[in-house]
Structure formats: structure tokens, C-alpha cells
């Protein structure tokens, strides 16, 4: 792993911590912070766009949650935190990007889906050091994270980016006006892949 440092904006870090507290309670969050050696984060970062929330911190929070709750339950909890992250904070980026001004309501669902993913990728590419690109296959979209804080520096036997998956699932639900799609992480940097890849079915679940 490169020794170069990469960051989320403080606002994203703040959203993650608040969502974790919402999902597990303050006492358990403090336990996670202690396990991750990040007790200083009991004081929330400021609500600004300064890029000062380290990728190492994001990954350490995921790993500590797995240690405390067990791998399976911890990863499910990290996915739930991802859902909460979108609804409790990441949507605040939409006015900055002009998402609310796009005539999404008038688009066919397939176009709305694609445009929504492209615009959401800009949140990370523009405001953080995370690198996201979108690709497409016949039956799926591919959400490809080439520099991913969620598993930064980790080594695991299975994909471990449930936080990113939860954020992605909820953004799709919001962007398509309430439709759920299957989202599966098929490749993960922590397992040895070159990028973390999320396969998104083009056909909704219901």
C-alpha cells in the first residue's frame, strides 16, 4: 500500500460517525472508537468540506465494528450504517451538484438510473480522494472504486466494503424514486483485486 495519505472531507466523516451512533448507540460507538484507537473522534469533525478525515480512519472503523460484533453481524451493521449515511447526510451534497435541478422525474427509469449513478459518483470524485468510475454490461452497471477508504490497508478473505454497498443501495433507492436493485460486491481490494467492484442489476427486485 502507498504511504501517500488520502482523505474524505470532514463532513463525510461526521456523517459516518453520526450514522454509527444512530445504528449502535453512543456506548457501543465509544467501544468501537477505543478498539480502533480513534477515541479522539468522540469529538465530531466540523461540518465542512476540508479533506481531513483519513482513509485509514474509515477502514479502522469498519474493522473495529467487525471485531466487536463478529465478522458477519459487524458487516451487516456496517451496511446499515451505509444506508443511514446516505439518508442522514450524503444527500446534502445534492444541491451542491445541482442534482435537484436535473429533470430526473421526466426521464425513463433506465436513463434516470444511469444519470443518477454518474452524478452520485461525482460526489466522491469531486469532494474526496476516493476514485469512482462507472461501467456498463448488458445486464448490469458496474460501480468501480479504484481508491477505496472503506477497505483501505485491509486484508480479508471476502469482500468487506459493506459500508460502501449500503450507501450505494440507498442512493439508488432515492435516485430511482423508491425502487430496490440487487447490489453485490464481486471484487475487493482487500481480497487482492485491483479495484472494488459492485455489480448492480438493471432490473429492479420488485
Protein backbone atom coordinates (compact mmCIF):
# COMPACT_ATOMS: atom_id res chain seq x y z
CA UNK A 1 0.00 0.00 0.00
CA UNK A 2 1.17 3.50 -0.81
CA UNK A 3 2.40 5.64 2.07
CA UNK A 4 0.59 8.59 0.48
CA UNK A 5 -2.28 9.92 2.58
CA UNK A 6 -5.83 10.26 1.27
CA UNK A 7 -8.91 11.80 2.85
CA UNK A 8 -12.67 12.21 2.94
CA UNK A 9 -13.99 15.69 3.69
CA UNK A 10 -14.79 16.27 7.35
CA UNK A 11 -18.49 16.32 6.51
CA UNK A 12 -18.40 12.72 5.23
CA UNK A 13 -16.50 11.57 8.30
CA UNK A 14 -19.00 13.33 10.53
CA UNK A 15 -21.89 11.65 8.68
CA UNK A 16 -20.30 8.21 9.15
CA UNK A 17 -19.81 8.75 12.90
CA UNK A 18 -23.34 10.09 13.42
CA UNK A 19 -24.78 7.17 11.45
CA UNK A 20 -22.75 4.71 13.52
CA UNK A 21 -24.10 6.26 16.71
CA UNK A 22 -27.63 6.03 15.31
CA UNK A 23 -27.15 2.35 14.44
CA UNK A 24 -25.36 1.11 17.56
CA UNK A 25 -25.78 3.72 20.29
CA UNK A 26 -23.23 6.03 21.88
CA UNK A 27 -21.83 3.44 24.31
CA UNK A 28 -21.07 0.90 21.59
CA UNK A 29 -19.70 3.61 19.30
CA UNK A 30 -17.26 4.62 22.03
CA UNK A 31 -16.23 0.96 22.29
CA UNK A 32 -15.62 0.85 18.52
CA UNK A 33 -13.58 4.05 18.68
CA UNK A 34 -11.49 2.64 21.52
CA UNK A 35 -10.89 -0.62 19.62
CA UNK A 36 -9.85 1.36 16.54
CA UNK A 37 -7.56 3.63 18.61
CA UNK A 38 -9.66 6.58 17.44
CA UNK A 39 -11.02 7.86 20.75
CA UNK A 40 -10.23 11.41 19.62
CA UNK A 41 -13.18 11.07 17.22
CA UNK A 42 -15.58 11.16 20.17
CA UNK A 43 -15.41 14.85 19.29
CA UNK A 44 -17.05 15.07 15.88
CA UNK A 45 -15.17 16.65 12.97
CA UNK A 46 -16.51 20.04 11.85
CA UNK A 47 -19.28 20.09 9.25
CA UNK A 48 -17.11 21.38 6.40
CA UNK A 49 -15.54 20.16 3.16
CA UNK A 50 -11.91 20.25 4.33
CA UNK A 51 -10.31 16.94 3.36
CA UNK A 52 -9.02 15.85 6.78
CA UNK A 53 -10.86 12.59 7.59
CA UNK A 54 -8.25 9.93 6.85
CA UNK A 55 -8.96 6.84 4.76
CA UNK A 56 -7.18 4.85 7.50
CA UNK A 57 -9.82 6.01 9.97
CA UNK A 58 -12.69 4.89 7.72
CA UNK A 59 -11.20 1.39 7.35
CA UNK A 60 -10.33 1.14 11.05
CA UNK A 61 -13.95 1.89 11.99
CA UNK A 62 -15.15 -0.96 9.74
CA UNK A 63 -12.63 -3.40 11.15
CA UNK A 64 -13.33 -2.45 14.77
CA UNK A 65 -17.07 -2.92 14.25
CA UNK A 66 -16.39 -6.43 12.93
CA UNK A 67 -14.18 -7.22 15.92
CA UNK A 68 -16.80 -6.14 18.45
CA UNK A 69 -19.92 -7.58 16.80
CA UNK A 70 -18.34 -10.53 14.99
CA UNK A 71 -17.49 -10.54 11.31
CA UNK A 72 -20.93 -11.42 9.93
CA UNK A 73 -23.04 -9.24 12.21
CA UNK A 74 -20.47 -6.43 12.06
CA UNK A 75 -20.59 -6.33 8.28
CA UNK A 76 -24.39 -6.28 8.29
CA UNK A 77 -24.23 -3.39 10.73
CA UNK A 78 -21.73 -1.57 8.50
CA UNK A 79 -24.18 -1.92 5.60
CA UNK A 80 -26.97 -0.48 7.76
CA UNK A 81 -24.66 2.42 8.64
CA UNK A 82 -24.19 2.95 4.90
CA UNK A 83 -27.95 3.27 4.42
CA UNK A 84 -28.10 5.77 7.26
CA UNK A 85 -25.12 7.71 5.86
CA UNK A 86 -26.95 8.49 2.66
CA UNK A 87 -30.20 9.49 4.32
CA UNK A 88 -28.65 11.48 7.15
CA UNK A 89 -26.00 13.42 5.32
CA UNK A 90 -24.75 12.49 1.88
CA UNK A 91 -27.98 13.74 0.32
CA UNK A 92 -26.86 17.18 1.46
CA UNK A 93 -24.36 17.12 -1.40
CA UNK A 94 -27.14 17.01 -4.00
CA UNK A 95 -27.86 20.77 -4.02
CA UNK A 96 -24.13 21.48 -4.42
CA UNK A 97 -24.04 19.29 -7.52
CA UNK A 98 -27.34 20.54 -8.85
CA UNK A 99 -28.97 17.10 -8.64
CA UNK A 100 -32.24 18.66 -7.54
CA UNK A 101 -32.25 20.75 -10.73
CA UNK A 102 -31.99 17.76 -13.06
CA UNK A 103 -35.30 16.79 -14.73
CA UNK A 104 -34.98 13.25 -13.36
CA UNK A 105 -38.71 12.90 -12.83
CA UNK A 106 -39.25 13.19 -16.58
CA UNK A 107 -36.63 10.61 -17.58
CA UNK A 108 -37.36 6.94 -18.29
CA UNK A 109 -36.24 4.76 -15.40
CA UNK A 110 -33.23 3.31 -17.26
CA UNK A 111 -31.87 6.78 -18.06
CA UNK A 112 -32.68 8.02 -14.56
CA UNK A 113 -30.72 5.08 -13.14
CA UNK A 114 -27.62 5.77 -15.25
CA UNK A 115 -27.65 9.55 -14.75
CA UNK A 116 -28.20 9.14 -11.02
CA UNK A 117 -25.17 6.85 -10.68
CA UNK A 118 -22.98 9.16 -12.73
CA UNK A 119 -23.96 12.19 -10.69
CA UNK A 120 -23.51 10.36 -7.38
CA UNK A 121 -20.02 9.25 -8.42
CA UNK A 122 -19.17 12.94 -8.76
CA UNK A 123 -19.84 13.43 -5.04
CA UNK A 124 -16.84 11.23 -4.24
CA UNK A 125 -14.61 12.21 -7.16
CA UNK A 126 -15.15 15.93 -6.60
CA UNK A 127 -15.21 16.22 -2.82
CA UNK A 128 -12.93 13.38 -1.66
CA UNK A 129 -9.81 11.44 -2.62
CA UNK A 130 -11.92 8.38 -3.40
CA UNK A 131 -11.88 7.45 -7.09
CA UNK A 132 -15.08 6.03 -8.61
CA UNK A 133 -15.93 5.20 -12.20
CA UNK A 134 -18.99 3.69 -13.80
CA UNK A 135 -19.04 0.93 -16.40
CA UNK A 136 -21.84 -0.99 -18.03
CA UNK A 137 -22.54 -4.54 -19.17
CA UNK A 138 -25.62 -5.97 -20.87
CA UNK A 139 -27.47 -6.75 -17.65
CA UNK A 140 -25.56 -4.75 -15.05
CA UNK A 141 -23.96 -1.47 -14.15
CA UNK A 142 -20.53 -1.71 -12.52
CA UNK A 143 -19.67 0.76 -9.76
CA UNK A 144 -15.88 0.58 -9.63
CA UNK A 145 -13.96 2.11 -6.72
CA UNK A 146 -10.30 2.33 -7.66
CA UNK A 147 -9.19 4.06 -4.44
CA UNK A 148 -11.44 2.96 -1.60
CA UNK A 149 -11.27 4.21 2.01
CA UNK A 150 -13.69 1.54 3.27
CA UNK A 151 -11.14 -1.28 2.96
CA UNK A 152 -8.01 0.89 2.92
CA UNK A 153 -5.00 -1.17 4.01
CA UNK A 154 -7.11 -4.18 4.98
CA UNK A 155 -6.51 -7.83 4.06
CA UNK A 156 -9.59 -10.07 4.17
CA UNK A 157 -10.76 -13.37 2.69
CA UNK A 158 -14.10 -11.97 1.48
CA UNK A 159 -15.23 -8.54 0.21
CA UNK A 160 -15.62 -6.23 3.21
CA UNK A 161 -16.96 -2.94 1.80
CA UNK A 162 -20.49 -3.21 3.19
CA UNK A 163 -20.48 0.48 4.18
CA UNK A 164 -19.93 1.46 0.54
CA UNK A 165 -22.55 -1.05 -0.60
CA UNK A 166 -25.12 0.34 1.82
CA UNK A 167 -24.50 3.90 0.67
CA UNK A 168 -24.83 2.78 -2.95
CA UNK A 169 -28.06 0.84 -2.34
CA UNK A 170 -29.70 3.79 -0.64
CA UNK A 171 -28.57 6.27 -3.29
CA UNK A 172 -30.13 4.07 -5.99
CA UNK A 173 -33.37 3.76 -3.98
CA UNK A 174 -33.54 7.55 -3.69
CA UNK A 175 -32.46 8.29 -7.26
CA UNK A 176 -34.97 5.91 -8.87
CA UNK A 177 -37.90 7.12 -6.80
CA UNK A 178 -38.14 4.15 -4.45
CA UNK A 179 -37.01 1.07 -6.38
CA UNK A 180 -34.66 -1.55 -4.95
CA UNK A 181 -31.95 -3.21 -7.04
CA UNK A 182 -29.58 -6.06 -6.28
CA UNK A 183 -26.13 -4.69 -5.43
CA UNK A 184 -23.27 -7.17 -4.94
CA UNK A 185 -19.57 -6.57 -4.33
CA UNK A 186 -17.84 -9.03 -6.66
CA UNK A 187 -14.24 -7.80 -6.30
CA UNK A 188 -12.48 -6.18 -3.36
CA UNK A 189 -9.05 -4.63 -2.99
CA UNK A 190 -8.77 -6.16 0.50
CA UNK A 191 -9.02 -9.63 -1.08
CA UNK A 192 -6.34 -8.78 -3.66
CA UNK A 193 -8.28 -7.24 -6.55
CA UNK A 194 -7.13 -4.09 -8.32
CA UNK A 195 -10.42 -2.32 -7.57
CA UNK A 196 -13.60 -2.82 -5.56
CA UNK A 197 -16.39 -3.65 -7.99
CA UNK A 198 -20.11 -3.53 -7.21
CA UNK A 199 -22.42 -5.20 -9.73
CA UNK A 200 -25.84 -3.53 -9.92
CA UNK A 201 -28.69 -5.35 -11.69
CA UNK A 202 -30.52 -3.20 -14.23
CA UNK A 203 -33.85 -4.85 -13.36
CA UNK A 204 -35.42 -3.87 -10.01
CA UNK A 205 -36.10 -6.51 -7.40
CA UNK A 206 -39.83 -5.85 -7.22
